[in-house]
Amino acid sequence: MQRRHIDLINSLVHQDIIKDERIKNVMIATDRTDFTTDRAYDDTPQSIGYNVTISAPHMHAYALEMLRDKLVPGARVLDVGSGSGYLTVCMARLVQPNGKAIGIEHISQLVDLSLKNIAKNNQSLIDNGTLEIVLGDGRLGYLQGGPYDAIHVGAAASDRPIELIEQLKPGGRLVVPVGIGSQRMMTYEKSLDGREIHEQATLNVRYVPLTDKDKQWNH
């Protein structure tokens, strides 16, 4: 029997990766078949072209769980390397009403692809201003949309991403894979007075590098 979307989400719940009911409901609403054409319900990364993948569902779930107390109605969030648009949609659903989720992607074809994907899944998020996809170098963040309660990065930074940390609000949190070769999923949280950064290493992960467009996509 072919695996269904609900089977994938229930599996992530049973593995105790999805813990929060809000995240479960958002991931159910955001059907991966709208964002990838290849084995959408396998718990593996899938190519979306341009030397980019959509992360495995369990990694999306981990990211949302790591940010869940920041992904609340009214929050401003940034998704760096938004790719297919999947995680940006999940984040947008969690911050509505009155919140804003911005995805930034440096390959224009992926911006166009993600907008088509979002239209299939929930065009109203774009229409009502909850979600925006912009073209740009996500390594520099997106200053005009910040500061942010939460930032997620979908590719591995080689070192501590100072520019992104600076765009956090006091109390804001950044989740990003860091490392060359061996990578750890890191969280950086700005103190409520904005003066300190609390850093924590979590999962061992493997992501494509956070790099410039020309290095990422070999024409």
N, C-alpha and C. Protein backbone atom coordinates (compact mmCIF):
# COMPACT_ATOMS: atom_id res chain seq x y z
N MET A 1 0.85 -1.19 0.00
CA MET A 1 0.00 0.00 0.00
C MET A 1 0.89 1.24 0.00
N GLN A 2 0.53 2.21 -0.86
CA GLN A 2 1.31 3.44 -0.96
C GLN A 2 1.14 4.30 0.30
N ARG A 3 2.23 4.83 0.77
CA ARG A 3 2.17 5.66 1.96
C ARG A 3 1.43 6.95 1.67
N ARG A 4 0.64 7.39 2.67
CA ARG A 4 -0.12 8.63 2.54
C ARG A 4 0.53 9.73 3.38
N HIS A 5 0.11 10.95 3.11
CA HIS A 5 0.63 12.11 3.85
C HIS A 5 0.38 11.94 5.35
N ILE A 6 -0.81 11.55 5.72
CA ILE A 6 -1.15 11.41 7.14
C ILE A 6 -0.30 10.33 7.80
N ASP A 7 0.06 9.28 7.03
CA ASP A 7 0.92 8.23 7.58
C ASP A 7 2.30 8.79 7.94
N LEU A 8 2.82 9.66 7.06
CA LEU A 8 4.11 10.29 7.32
C LEU A 8 4.07 11.12 8.60
N ILE A 9 3.06 11.95 8.74
CA ILE A 9 2.97 12.82 9.91
C ILE A 9 2.77 12.00 11.18
N ASN A 10 1.91 10.99 11.12
CA ASN A 10 1.69 10.13 12.29
C ASN A 10 2.97 9.41 12.69
N SER A 11 3.77 9.02 11.71
CA SER A 11 5.04 8.37 12.01
C SER A 11 5.96 9.31 12.78
N LEU A 12 5.99 10.57 12.39
CA LEU A 12 6.83 11.55 13.08
C LEU A 12 6.32 11.81 14.50
N VAL A 13 5.02 11.73 14.70
CA VAL A 13 4.44 11.85 16.05
C VAL A 13 4.84 10.65 16.88
N HIS A 14 4.71 9.44 16.30
CA HIS A 14 5.01 8.22 17.05
C HIS A 14 6.49 8.14 17.41
N GLN A 15 7.35 8.74 16.58
CA GLN A 15 8.78 8.78 16.89
C GLN A 15 9.14 9.88 17.89
N ASP A 16 8.13 10.62 18.33
CA ASP A 16 8.30 11.72 19.29
C ASP A 16 9.16 12.84 18.73
N ILE A 17 9.15 12.98 17.39
CA ILE A 17 9.82 14.12 16.75
C ILE A 17 8.87 15.31 16.73
N ILE A 18 7.63 15.07 16.29
CA ILE A 18 6.58 16.08 16.45
C ILE A 18 5.97 15.88 17.83
N LYS A 19 6.06 16.91 18.67
CA LYS A 19 5.54 16.84 20.03
C LYS A 19 4.34 17.77 20.23
N ASP A 20 4.33 18.86 19.47
CA ASP A 20 3.35 19.92 19.67
C ASP A 20 2.16 19.72 18.72
N GLU A 21 0.95 19.84 19.24
CA GLU A 21 -0.25 19.63 18.42
C GLU A 21 -0.37 20.66 17.31
N ARG A 22 0.05 21.89 17.57
CA ARG A 22 0.01 22.93 16.53
C ARG A 22 0.90 22.55 15.35
N ILE A 23 2.09 22.05 15.65
CA ILE A 23 3.01 21.67 14.59
C ILE A 23 2.47 20.47 13.82
N LYS A 24 1.90 19.52 14.51
CA LYS A 24 1.27 18.38 13.83
C LYS A 24 0.20 18.87 12.85
N ASN A 25 -0.67 19.75 13.31
CA ASN A 25 -1.76 20.22 12.46
C ASN A 25 -1.25 21.02 11.26
N VAL A 26 -0.22 21.82 11.47
CA VAL A 26 0.35 22.62 10.38
C VAL A 26 1.00 21.71 9.34
N MET A 27 1.71 20.69 9.80
CA MET A 27 2.36 19.78 8.85
C MET A 27 1.33 18.92 8.11
N ILE A 28 0.22 18.60 8.74
CA ILE A 28 -0.86 17.91 8.04
C ILE A 28 -1.44 18.82 6.95
N ALA A 29 -1.61 20.10 7.28
CA ALA A 29 -2.20 21.05 6.33
C ALA A 29 -1.27 21.35 5.16
N THR A 30 0.03 21.15 5.35
CA THR A 30 1.03 21.51 4.34
C THR A 30 1.51 20.23 3.65
N ASP A 31 0.73 19.77 2.71
CA ASP A 31 0.97 18.49 2.06
C ASP A 31 2.23 18.58 1.18
N ARG A 32 3.19 17.70 1.42
CA ARG A 32 4.47 17.75 0.70
C ARG A 32 4.32 17.50 -0.80
N THR A 33 3.24 16.88 -1.20
CA THR A 33 3.07 16.64 -2.64
C THR A 33 2.90 17.95 -3.41
N ASP A 34 2.57 19.03 -2.72
CA ASP A 34 2.50 20.34 -3.37
C ASP A 34 3.88 20.97 -3.54
N PHE A 35 4.90 20.38 -2.92
CA PHE A 35 6.22 21.00 -2.88
C PHE A 35 7.34 20.14 -3.48
N THR A 36 7.05 18.91 -3.80
CA THR A 36 8.02 18.05 -4.46
C THR A 36 7.27 16.99 -5.24
N THR A 37 7.84 16.58 -6.36
CA THR A 37 7.16 15.60 -7.22
C THR A 37 7.70 14.19 -7.04
N ASP A 38 8.75 14.06 -6.24
CA ASP A 38 9.45 12.77 -6.15
C ASP A 38 9.34 12.18 -4.75
N ARG A 39 8.59 11.09 -4.62
CA ARG A 39 8.49 10.35 -3.34
C ARG A 39 8.21 11.31 -2.18
N ALA A 40 7.15 12.06 -2.32
CA ALA A 40 6.85 13.15 -1.38
C ALA A 40 6.70 12.67 0.06
N TYR A 41 6.25 11.44 0.24
CA TYR A 41 5.95 10.98 1.61
C TYR A 41 7.03 10.09 2.20
N ASP A 42 8.17 9.98 1.52
CA ASP A 42 9.33 9.32 2.12
C ASP A 42 10.01 10.29 3.08
N ASP A 43 10.53 9.76 4.18
CA ASP A 43 11.20 10.63 5.15
C ASP A 43 12.67 10.78 4.77
N THR A 44 12.88 11.34 3.59
CA THR A 44 14.23 11.58 3.07
C THR A 44 14.24 12.92 2.34
N PRO A 45 15.43 13.55 2.20
CA PRO A 45 15.51 14.75 1.37
C PRO A 45 15.26 14.40 -0.09
N GLN A 46 14.68 15.35 -0.84
CA GLN A 46 14.40 15.13 -2.26
C GLN A 46 14.94 16.30 -3.07
N SER A 47 15.47 16.01 -4.24
CA SER A 47 15.98 17.07 -5.11
C SER A 47 14.83 17.92 -5.64
N ILE A 48 15.05 19.24 -5.64
CA ILE A 48 14.09 20.15 -6.29
C ILE A 48 14.79 20.93 -7.41
N GLY A 49 15.96 20.42 -7.83
CA GLY A 49 16.70 21.07 -8.91
C GLY A 49 17.69 22.09 -8.41
N TYR A 50 18.59 22.54 -9.30
CA TYR A 50 19.56 23.61 -9.02
C TYR A 50 20.51 23.25 -7.87
N ASN A 51 20.79 21.94 -7.74
CA ASN A 51 21.65 21.42 -6.66
C ASN A 51 21.10 21.72 -5.27
N VAL A 52 19.79 21.70 -5.15
CA VAL A 52 19.11 21.99 -3.89
C VAL A 52 18.17 20.85 -3.57
N THR A 53 17.96 20.60 -2.28
CA THR A 53 16.98 19.60 -1.86
C THR A 53 15.92 20.24 -0.97
N ILE A 54 14.76 19.60 -0.91
CA ILE A 54 13.81 19.85 0.17
C ILE A 54 14.21 18.91 1.29
N SER A 55 14.37 19.44 2.49
CA SER A 55 14.84 18.62 3.60
C SER A 55 13.88 17.47 3.89
N ALA A 56 14.42 16.44 4.55
CA ALA A 56 13.57 15.34 4.99
C ALA A 56 12.51 15.86 5.96
N PRO A 57 11.32 15.26 5.94
CA PRO A 57 10.26 15.71 6.82
C PRO A 57 10.64 15.76 8.30
N HIS A 58 11.45 14.80 8.75
CA HIS A 58 11.81 14.82 10.18
C HIS A 58 12.67 16.03 10.52
N MET A 59 13.46 16.52 9.54
CA MET A 59 14.26 17.72 9.81
C MET A 59 13.38 18.97 9.85
N HIS A 60 12.37 19.01 9.00
CA HIS A 60 11.41 20.12 9.08
C HIS A 60 10.71 20.11 10.44
N ALA A 61 10.34 18.91 10.89
CA ALA A 61 9.66 18.80 12.19
C ALA A 61 10.58 19.25 13.32
N TYR A 62 11.84 18.80 13.28
CA TYR A 62 12.79 19.24 14.32
C TYR A 62 12.93 20.76 14.33
N ALA A 63 13.05 21.36 13.15
CA ALA A 63 13.23 22.81 13.07
C ALA A 63 12.04 23.55 13.67
N LEU A 64 10.84 23.10 13.32
CA LEU A 64 9.64 23.75 13.85
C LEU A 64 9.55 23.57 15.37
N GLU A 65 9.91 22.39 15.86
CA GLU A 65 9.88 22.15 17.31
C GLU A 65 10.90 23.03 18.03
N MET A 66 12.08 23.20 17.43
CA MET A 66 13.11 24.04 18.06
C MET A 66 12.69 25.50 18.15
N LEU A 67 11.79 25.90 17.28
CA LEU A 67 11.35 27.30 17.23
C LEU A 67 9.92 27.50 17.73
N ARG A 68 9.31 26.45 18.23
CA ARG A 68 7.84 26.48 18.40
C ARG A 68 7.35 27.60 19.33
N ASP A 69 8.11 27.92 20.39
CA ASP A 69 7.64 28.98 21.30
C ASP A 69 7.85 30.37 20.72
N LYS A 70 8.57 30.46 19.59
CA LYS A 70 8.73 31.74 18.89
C LYS A 70 7.76 31.85 17.71
N LEU A 71 7.26 30.70 17.24
CA LEU A 71 6.34 30.69 16.09
C LEU A 71 4.91 30.81 16.59
N VAL A 72 4.57 32.02 16.99
CA VAL A 72 3.27 32.29 17.61
C VAL A 72 2.58 33.41 16.83
N PRO A 73 1.26 33.53 16.95
CA PRO A 73 0.56 34.59 16.23
C PRO A 73 1.19 35.96 16.48
N GLY A 74 1.41 36.68 15.38
CA GLY A 74 2.00 38.01 15.47
C GLY A 74 3.50 38.06 15.33
N ALA A 75 4.17 36.90 15.31
CA ALA A 75 5.64 36.88 15.22
C ALA A 75 6.11 37.20 13.81
N ARG A 76 7.35 37.68 13.71
CA ARG A 76 8.02 37.89 12.42
C ARG A 76 9.13 36.86 12.31
N VAL A 77 9.15 36.13 11.19
CA VAL A 77 10.10 35.03 11.04
C VAL A 77 10.73 35.06 9.65
N LEU A 78 11.96 34.54 9.57
CA LEU A 78 12.71 34.50 8.32
C LEU A 78 13.16 33.08 8.06
N ASP A 79 12.95 32.60 6.83
CA ASP A 79 13.40 31.29 6.40
C ASP A 79 14.46 31.49 5.32
N VAL A 80 15.73 31.23 5.66
CA VAL A 80 16.85 31.45 4.76
C VAL A 80 17.09 30.20 3.91
N GLY A 81 17.11 30.38 2.59
CA GLY A 81 17.21 29.23 1.70
C GLY A 81 15.86 28.54 1.62
N SER A 82 14.84 29.31 1.28
CA SER A 82 13.45 28.81 1.39
C SER A 82 13.10 27.77 0.35
N GLY A 83 13.90 27.64 -0.72
CA GLY A 83 13.77 26.51 -1.64
C GLY A 83 12.38 26.31 -2.20
N SER A 84 11.78 25.19 -1.90
CA SER A 84 10.46 24.82 -2.42
C SER A 84 9.33 25.64 -1.79
N GLY A 85 9.61 26.27 -0.64
CA GLY A 85 8.59 27.03 0.07
C GLY A 85 7.90 26.29 1.19
N TYR A 86 8.19 24.99 1.33
CA TYR A 86 7.45 24.17 2.29
C TYR A 86 7.52 24.70 3.72
N LEU A 87 8.73 24.85 4.23
CA LEU A 87 8.86 25.23 5.64
C LEU A 87 8.37 26.65 5.86
N THR A 88 8.54 27.53 4.88
CA THR A 88 8.06 28.90 5.01
C THR A 88 6.55 28.91 5.17
N VAL A 89 5.85 28.03 4.46
CA VAL A 89 4.39 27.93 4.61
C VAL A 89 4.04 27.45 6.01
N CYS A 90 4.74 26.43 6.51
CA CYS A 90 4.48 25.96 7.87
C CYS A 90 4.66 27.09 8.88
N MET A 91 5.73 27.84 8.73
CA MET A 91 5.99 28.95 9.65
C MET A 91 4.91 30.02 9.53
N ALA A 92 4.50 30.31 8.29
CA ALA A 92 3.46 31.32 8.09
C ALA A 92 2.16 30.91 8.77
N ARG A 93 1.81 29.65 8.66
CA ARG A 93 0.57 29.17 9.31
C ARG A 93 0.64 29.34 10.82
N LEU A 94 1.83 29.16 11.39
CA LEU A 94 1.97 29.24 12.84
C LEU A 94 1.95 30.67 13.36
N VAL A 95 2.33 31.65 12.53
CA VAL A 95 2.39 33.04 13.02
C VAL A 95 1.13 33.84 12.68
N GLN A 96 0.20 33.25 11.96
CA GLN A 96 -1.04 33.98 11.70
C GLN A 96 -1.99 33.85 12.89
N PRO A 97 -2.85 34.84 13.15
CA PRO A 97 -2.96 36.10 12.40
C PRO A 97 -1.93 37.13 12.86
N ASN A 98 -1.75 38.11 12.03
CA ASN A 98 -0.95 39.31 12.32
C ASN A 98 0.56 39.10 12.30
N GLY A 99 1.01 37.88 11.97
CA GLY A 99 2.43 37.64 11.86
C GLY A 99 2.89 37.74 10.41
N LYS A 100 4.20 37.52 10.21
CA LYS A 100 4.78 37.61 8.88
C LYS A 100 5.91 36.59 8.76
N ALA A 101 5.85 35.76 7.72
CA ALA A 101 6.93 34.83 7.41
C ALA A 101 7.52 35.22 6.07
N ILE A 102 8.84 35.40 6.04
CA ILE A 102 9.55 35.76 4.82
C ILE A 102 10.52 34.64 4.47
N GLY A 103 10.44 34.17 3.24
CA GLY A 103 11.43 33.22 2.73
C GLY A 103 12.37 33.95 1.80
N ILE A 104 13.67 33.72 1.95
CA ILE A 104 14.64 34.35 1.06
C ILE A 104 15.44 33.26 0.35
N GLU A 105 15.55 33.42 -0.96
CA GLU A 105 16.17 32.40 -1.82
C GLU A 105 16.97 33.12 -2.89
N HIS A 106 18.20 32.65 -3.20
CA HIS A 106 19.04 33.39 -4.14
C HIS A 106 18.98 32.89 -5.58
N ILE A 107 18.17 31.88 -5.84
CA ILE A 107 17.99 31.40 -7.21
C ILE A 107 16.58 31.77 -7.67
N SER A 108 16.51 32.62 -8.69
CA SER A 108 15.21 33.17 -9.09
C SER A 108 14.25 32.08 -9.54
N GLN A 109 14.77 31.03 -10.16
CA GLN A 109 13.89 29.93 -10.59
C GLN A 109 13.23 29.23 -9.40
N LEU A 110 13.94 29.17 -8.28
CA LEU A 110 13.35 28.57 -7.07
C LEU A 110 12.34 29.50 -6.41
N VAL A 111 12.57 30.80 -6.51
CA VAL A 111 11.55 31.74 -6.05
C VAL A 111 10.25 31.51 -6.83
N ASP A 112 10.37 31.43 -8.15
CA ASP A 112 9.19 31.21 -8.99
C ASP A 112 8.53 29.87 -8.67
N LEU A 113 9.36 28.82 -8.52
CA LEU A 113 8.83 27.49 -8.21
C LEU A 113 8.09 27.50 -6.88
N SER A 114 8.69 28.14 -5.87
CA SER A 114 8.05 28.15 -4.55
C SER A 114 6.72 28.89 -4.58
N LEU A 115 6.64 29.96 -5.35
CA LEU A 115 5.37 30.69 -5.44
C LEU A 115 4.29 29.84 -6.10
N LYS A 116 4.68 29.04 -7.09
CA LYS A 116 3.72 28.11 -7.71
C LYS A 116 3.28 27.05 -6.70
N ASN A 117 4.24 26.54 -5.93
CA ASN A 117 3.92 25.52 -4.92
C ASN A 117 2.97 26.08 -3.86
N ILE A 118 3.26 27.30 -3.41
CA ILE A 118 2.42 27.92 -2.38
C ILE A 118 1.02 28.16 -2.91
N ALA A 119 0.91 28.54 -4.17
CA ALA A 119 -0.41 28.75 -4.78
C ALA A 119 -1.23 27.46 -4.77
N LYS A 120 -0.57 26.32 -4.96
CA LYS A 120 -1.27 25.04 -4.91
C LYS A 120 -1.75 24.73 -3.50
N ASN A 121 -0.96 25.11 -2.51
CA ASN A 121 -1.25 24.70 -1.13
C ASN A 121 -2.12 25.70 -0.38
N ASN A 122 -1.78 26.99 -0.48
CA ASN A 122 -2.56 28.01 0.24
C ASN A 122 -2.19 29.40 -0.26
N GLN A 123 -2.78 29.78 -1.37
CA GLN A 123 -2.50 31.09 -1.97
C GLN A 123 -2.88 32.25 -1.05
N SER A 124 -3.83 32.02 -0.17
CA SER A 124 -4.30 33.11 0.70
C SER A 124 -3.19 33.64 1.60
N LEU A 125 -2.19 32.81 1.92
CA LEU A 125 -1.08 33.27 2.76
C LEU A 125 -0.30 34.39 2.06
N ILE A 126 -0.17 34.28 0.74
CA ILE A 126 0.47 35.34 -0.04
C ILE A 126 -0.47 36.54 -0.16
N ASP A 127 -1.73 36.26 -0.48
CA ASP A 127 -2.69 37.32 -0.75
C ASP A 127 -2.93 38.21 0.47
N ASN A 128 -2.92 37.62 1.67
CA ASN A 128 -3.21 38.43 2.86
C ASN A 128 -1.95 38.99 3.52
N GLY A 129 -0.78 38.77 2.89
CA GLY A 129 0.45 39.37 3.38
C GLY A 129 1.14 38.61 4.50
N THR A 130 0.63 37.43 4.85
CA THR A 130 1.27 36.65 5.91
C THR A 130 2.60 36.07 5.45
N LEU A 131 2.71 35.77 4.16
CA LEU A 131 3.89 35.10 3.62
C LEU A 131 4.43 35.89 2.42
N GLU A 132 5.76 36.00 2.37
CA GLU A 132 6.42 36.67 1.25
C GLU A 132 7.68 35.90 0.91
N ILE A 133 7.95 35.71 -0.37
CA ILE A 133 9.19 35.11 -0.84
C ILE A 133 9.98 36.18 -1.59
N VAL A 134 11.25 36.36 -1.20
CA VAL A 134 12.06 37.39 -1.82
C VAL A 134 13.34 36.77 -2.40
N LEU A 135 13.87 37.42 -3.43
CA LEU A 135 15.12 37.00 -4.05
C LEU A 135 16.26 37.75 -3.40
N GLY A 136 17.26 37.02 -2.91
CA GLY A 136 18.40 37.69 -2.30
C GLY A 136 19.36 36.71 -1.68
N ASP A 137 20.48 37.23 -1.19
CA ASP A 137 21.52 36.43 -0.56
C ASP A 137 21.18 36.26 0.92
N GLY A 138 20.64 35.09 1.24
CA GLY A 138 20.18 34.86 2.61
C GLY A 138 21.28 34.85 3.65
N ARG A 139 22.52 34.72 3.22
CA ARG A 139 23.63 34.77 4.19
C ARG A 139 23.68 36.13 4.89
N LEU A 140 23.13 37.13 4.22
CA LEU A 140 23.08 38.49 4.78
C LEU A 140 21.76 38.76 5.49
N GLY A 141 20.90 37.73 5.55
CA GLY A 141 19.58 37.93 6.13
C GLY A 141 18.71 38.76 5.21
N TYR A 142 17.73 39.44 5.81
CA TYR A 142 16.84 40.32 5.05
C TYR A 142 16.46 41.46 5.99
N LEU A 143 17.35 42.45 6.02
CA LEU A 143 17.28 43.50 7.03
C LEU A 143 15.95 44.24 7.02
N GLN A 144 15.42 44.49 5.81
CA GLN A 144 14.21 45.31 5.73
C GLN A 144 12.97 44.61 6.29
N GLY A 145 13.04 43.30 6.47
CA GLY A 145 11.90 42.58 7.04
C GLY A 145 11.98 42.36 8.53
N GLY A 146 13.13 42.66 9.12
CA GLY A 146 13.37 42.35 10.54
C GLY A 146 13.03 43.52 11.45
N PRO A 147 13.41 43.38 12.72
CA PRO A 147 14.06 42.21 13.32
C PRO A 147 13.09 41.05 13.50
N TYR A 148 13.65 39.86 13.76
CA TYR A 148 12.86 38.63 13.73
C TYR A 148 12.80 37.95 15.09
N ASP A 149 11.63 37.37 15.35
CA ASP A 149 11.47 36.50 16.52
C ASP A 149 12.13 35.15 16.30
N ALA A 150 12.15 34.71 15.03
CA ALA A 150 12.72 33.40 14.71
C ALA A 150 13.34 33.45 13.32
N ILE A 151 14.51 32.81 13.19
CA ILE A 151 15.15 32.64 11.88
C ILE A 151 15.53 31.17 11.75
N HIS A 152 15.20 30.60 10.60
CA HIS A 152 15.61 29.23 10.27
C HIS A 152 16.49 29.29 9.03
N VAL A 153 17.55 28.49 9.02
CA VAL A 153 18.44 28.41 7.86
C VAL A 153 18.44 26.98 7.36
N GLY A 154 18.16 26.81 6.05
CA GLY A 154 18.03 25.48 5.47
C GLY A 154 19.28 24.98 4.78
N ALA A 155 20.44 25.58 5.08
CA ALA A 155 21.72 25.12 4.55
C ALA A 155 22.79 25.42 5.59
N ALA A 156 23.94 24.75 5.47
CA ALA A 156 24.94 24.81 6.53
C ALA A 156 25.86 26.01 6.39
N ALA A 157 25.90 26.85 7.42
CA ALA A 157 26.86 27.94 7.49
C ALA A 157 28.22 27.37 7.89
N SER A 158 29.29 27.96 7.37
CA SER A 158 30.62 27.46 7.70
C SER A 158 31.03 27.86 9.12
N ASP A 159 30.46 28.93 9.63
CA ASP A 159 30.82 29.45 10.94
C ASP A 159 29.62 30.18 11.52
N ARG A 160 29.80 30.74 12.69
CA ARG A 160 28.72 31.48 13.36
C ARG A 160 28.19 32.58 12.45
N PRO A 161 26.89 32.57 12.12
CA PRO A 161 26.34 33.54 11.16
C PRO A 161 25.99 34.88 11.82
N ILE A 162 26.99 35.72 11.94
CA ILE A 162 26.86 36.98 12.70
C ILE A 162 25.75 37.86 12.15
N GLU A 163 25.68 37.99 10.82
CA GLU A 163 24.68 38.90 10.23
C GLU A 163 23.26 38.47 10.60
N LEU A 164 23.03 37.17 10.64
CA LEU A 164 21.69 36.68 10.98
C LEU A 164 21.39 36.89 12.47
N ILE A 165 22.38 36.63 13.31
CA ILE A 165 22.19 36.84 14.74
C ILE A 165 21.83 38.29 15.04
N GLU A 166 22.48 39.20 14.32
CA GLU A 166 22.22 40.63 14.54
C GLU A 166 20.78 41.01 14.19
N GLN A 167 20.12 40.23 13.31
CA GLN A 167 18.76 40.57 12.90
C GLN A 167 17.69 39.95 13.80
N LEU A 168 18.10 39.25 14.85
CA LEU A 168 17.15 38.74 15.83
C LEU A 168 16.65 39.87 16.74
N LYS A 169 15.38 39.80 17.10
CA LYS A 169 14.87 40.66 18.17
C LYS A 169 15.47 40.20 19.50
N PRO A 170 15.49 41.06 20.52
CA PRO A 170 15.78 40.56 21.86
C PRO A 170 14.81 39.43 22.20
N GLY A 171 15.36 38.30 22.66
CA GLY A 171 14.54 37.12 22.91
C GLY A 171 14.34 36.23 21.69
N GLY A 172 14.84 36.67 20.53
CA GLY A 172 14.66 35.88 19.31
C GLY A 172 15.64 34.72 19.22
N ARG A 173 15.32 33.76 18.34
CA ARG A 173 16.12 32.54 18.23
C ARG A 173 16.41 32.22 16.77
N LEU A 174 17.64 31.79 16.53
CA LEU A 174 18.10 31.34 15.22
C LEU A 174 18.42 29.86 15.30
N VAL A 175 17.93 29.09 14.31
CA VAL A 175 18.27 27.67 14.17
C VAL A 175 18.98 27.48 12.85
N VAL A 176 20.22 26.95 12.90
CA VAL A 176 21.04 26.87 11.69
C VAL A 176 22.03 25.72 11.80
N PRO A 177 22.21 24.93 10.73
CA PRO A 177 23.31 23.96 10.73
C PRO A 177 24.62 24.71 10.56
N VAL A 178 25.65 24.31 11.30
CA VAL A 178 26.95 24.97 11.23
C VAL A 178 28.05 23.92 11.13
N GLY A 179 28.97 24.17 10.21
CA GLY A 179 30.13 23.29 10.09
C GLY A 179 30.46 23.00 8.64
N ILE A 180 31.70 22.58 8.43
CA ILE A 180 32.15 22.12 7.12
C ILE A 180 32.46 20.63 7.26
N GLY A 181 31.78 19.81 6.48
CA GLY A 181 31.90 18.36 6.66
C GLY A 181 31.01 17.93 7.81
N SER A 182 31.57 17.85 9.00
CA SER A 182 30.78 17.53 10.19
C SER A 182 29.98 18.76 10.60
N GLN A 183 28.67 18.60 10.71
CA GLN A 183 27.79 19.73 11.03
C GLN A 183 26.96 19.45 12.28
N ARG A 184 26.66 20.51 13.01
CA ARG A 184 25.73 20.43 14.14
C ARG A 184 24.62 21.44 13.91
N MET A 185 23.41 21.06 14.30
CA MET A 185 22.31 22.02 14.29
C MET A 185 22.47 22.88 15.54
N MET A 186 22.64 24.18 15.31
CA MET A 186 22.90 25.11 16.40
C MET A 186 21.69 26.00 16.64
N THR A 187 21.51 26.38 17.89
CA THR A 187 20.55 27.43 18.21
C THR A 187 21.31 28.59 18.85
N TYR A 188 20.96 29.79 18.41
CA TYR A 188 21.51 31.03 18.97
C TYR A 188 20.31 31.85 19.44
N GLU A 189 20.31 32.19 20.71
CA GLU A 189 19.18 32.95 21.27
C GLU A 189 19.69 34.25 21.88
N LYS A 190 19.05 35.33 21.47
CA LYS A 190 19.43 36.65 21.98
C LYS A 190 18.72 36.89 23.31
N SER A 191 19.47 37.38 24.30
CA SER A 191 18.87 37.64 25.61
C SER A 191 17.82 38.73 25.51
N LEU A 192 16.96 38.79 26.51
CA LEU A 192 15.85 39.73 26.47
C LEU A 192 16.33 41.18 26.48
N ASP A 193 17.51 41.42 27.03
CA ASP A 193 18.05 42.79 26.97
C ASP A 193 18.87 43.03 25.71
N GLY A 194 19.00 41.98 24.86
CA GLY A 194 19.69 42.12 23.58
C GLY A 194 21.20 42.13 23.67
N ARG A 195 21.76 41.90 24.86
CA ARG A 195 23.20 42.07 25.04
C ARG A 195 24.00 40.77 24.91
N GLU A 196 23.35 39.64 25.08
CA GLU A 196 24.06 38.37 25.08
C GLU A 196 23.44 37.40 24.09
N ILE A 197 24.29 36.46 23.62
CA ILE A 197 23.83 35.40 22.75
C ILE A 197 24.09 34.07 23.43
N HIS A 198 23.04 33.28 23.61
CA HIS A 198 23.17 31.96 24.21
C HIS A 198 23.21 30.93 23.08
N GLU A 199 24.23 30.11 23.07
CA GLU A 199 24.51 29.19 21.97
C GLU A 199 24.37 27.75 22.46
N GLN A 200 23.72 26.90 21.64
CA GLN A 200 23.59 25.49 22.02
C GLN A 200 23.71 24.61 20.78
N ALA A 201 24.51 23.56 20.88
CA ALA A 201 24.63 22.56 19.81
C ALA A 201 23.62 21.45 20.08
N THR A 202 22.93 21.01 19.02
CA THR A 202 21.93 19.96 19.19
C THR A 202 22.28 18.76 18.30
N LEU A 203 21.54 18.56 17.22
CA LEU A 203 21.67 17.36 16.40
C LEU A 203 22.91 17.38 15.52
N ASN A 204 23.47 16.20 15.26
CA ASN A 204 24.41 16.03 14.16
C ASN A 204 23.60 15.95 12.87
N VAL A 205 23.95 16.77 11.87
CA VAL A 205 23.14 16.85 10.64
C VAL A 205 24.05 16.88 9.42
N ARG A 206 23.41 16.76 8.26
CA ARG A 206 24.13 16.92 7.00
C ARG A 206 23.27 17.74 6.05
N TYR A 207 23.70 18.95 5.76
CA TYR A 207 22.99 19.86 4.86
C TYR A 207 23.93 20.31 3.75
N VAL A 208 23.35 20.76 2.64
CA VAL A 208 24.16 21.39 1.60
C VAL A 208 24.72 22.69 2.17
N PRO A 209 25.89 23.14 1.69
CA PRO A 209 26.47 24.37 2.24
C PRO A 209 25.68 25.62 1.89
N LEU A 210 25.70 26.57 2.81
CA LEU A 210 25.13 27.90 2.58
C LEU A 210 26.17 28.70 1.81
N THR A 211 25.92 28.90 0.53
CA THR A 211 26.95 29.48 -0.33
C THR A 211 26.31 30.44 -1.31
N ASP A 212 27.12 30.94 -2.26
CA ASP A 212 26.55 31.86 -3.23
C ASP A 212 25.93 31.09 -4.40
N LYS A 213 25.15 31.80 -5.18
CA LYS A 213 24.37 31.18 -6.25
C LYS A 213 25.25 30.44 -7.25
N ASP A 214 26.36 31.03 -7.66
CA ASP A 214 27.20 30.43 -8.69
C ASP A 214 27.85 29.14 -8.22
N LYS A 215 28.27 29.08 -6.95
CA LYS A 215 28.85 27.85 -6.43
C LYS A 215 27.79 26.77 -6.24
N GLN A 216 26.59 27.18 -5.87
CA GLN A 216 25.54 26.21 -5.60
C GLN A 216 25.03 25.58 -6.89
N TRP A 217 24.85 26.40 -7.89
CA TRP A 217 24.21 25.92 -9.12
C TRP A 217 25.20 25.97 -10.26
N ASN A 218 25.69 24.81 -10.66
CA ASN A 218 26.60 24.72 -11.80
C ASN A 218 25.77 24.72 -13.07
N HIS A 219 25.87 25.77 -13.85
CA HIS A 219 25.05 25.91 -15.06
C HIS A 219 25.38 24.82 -16.06
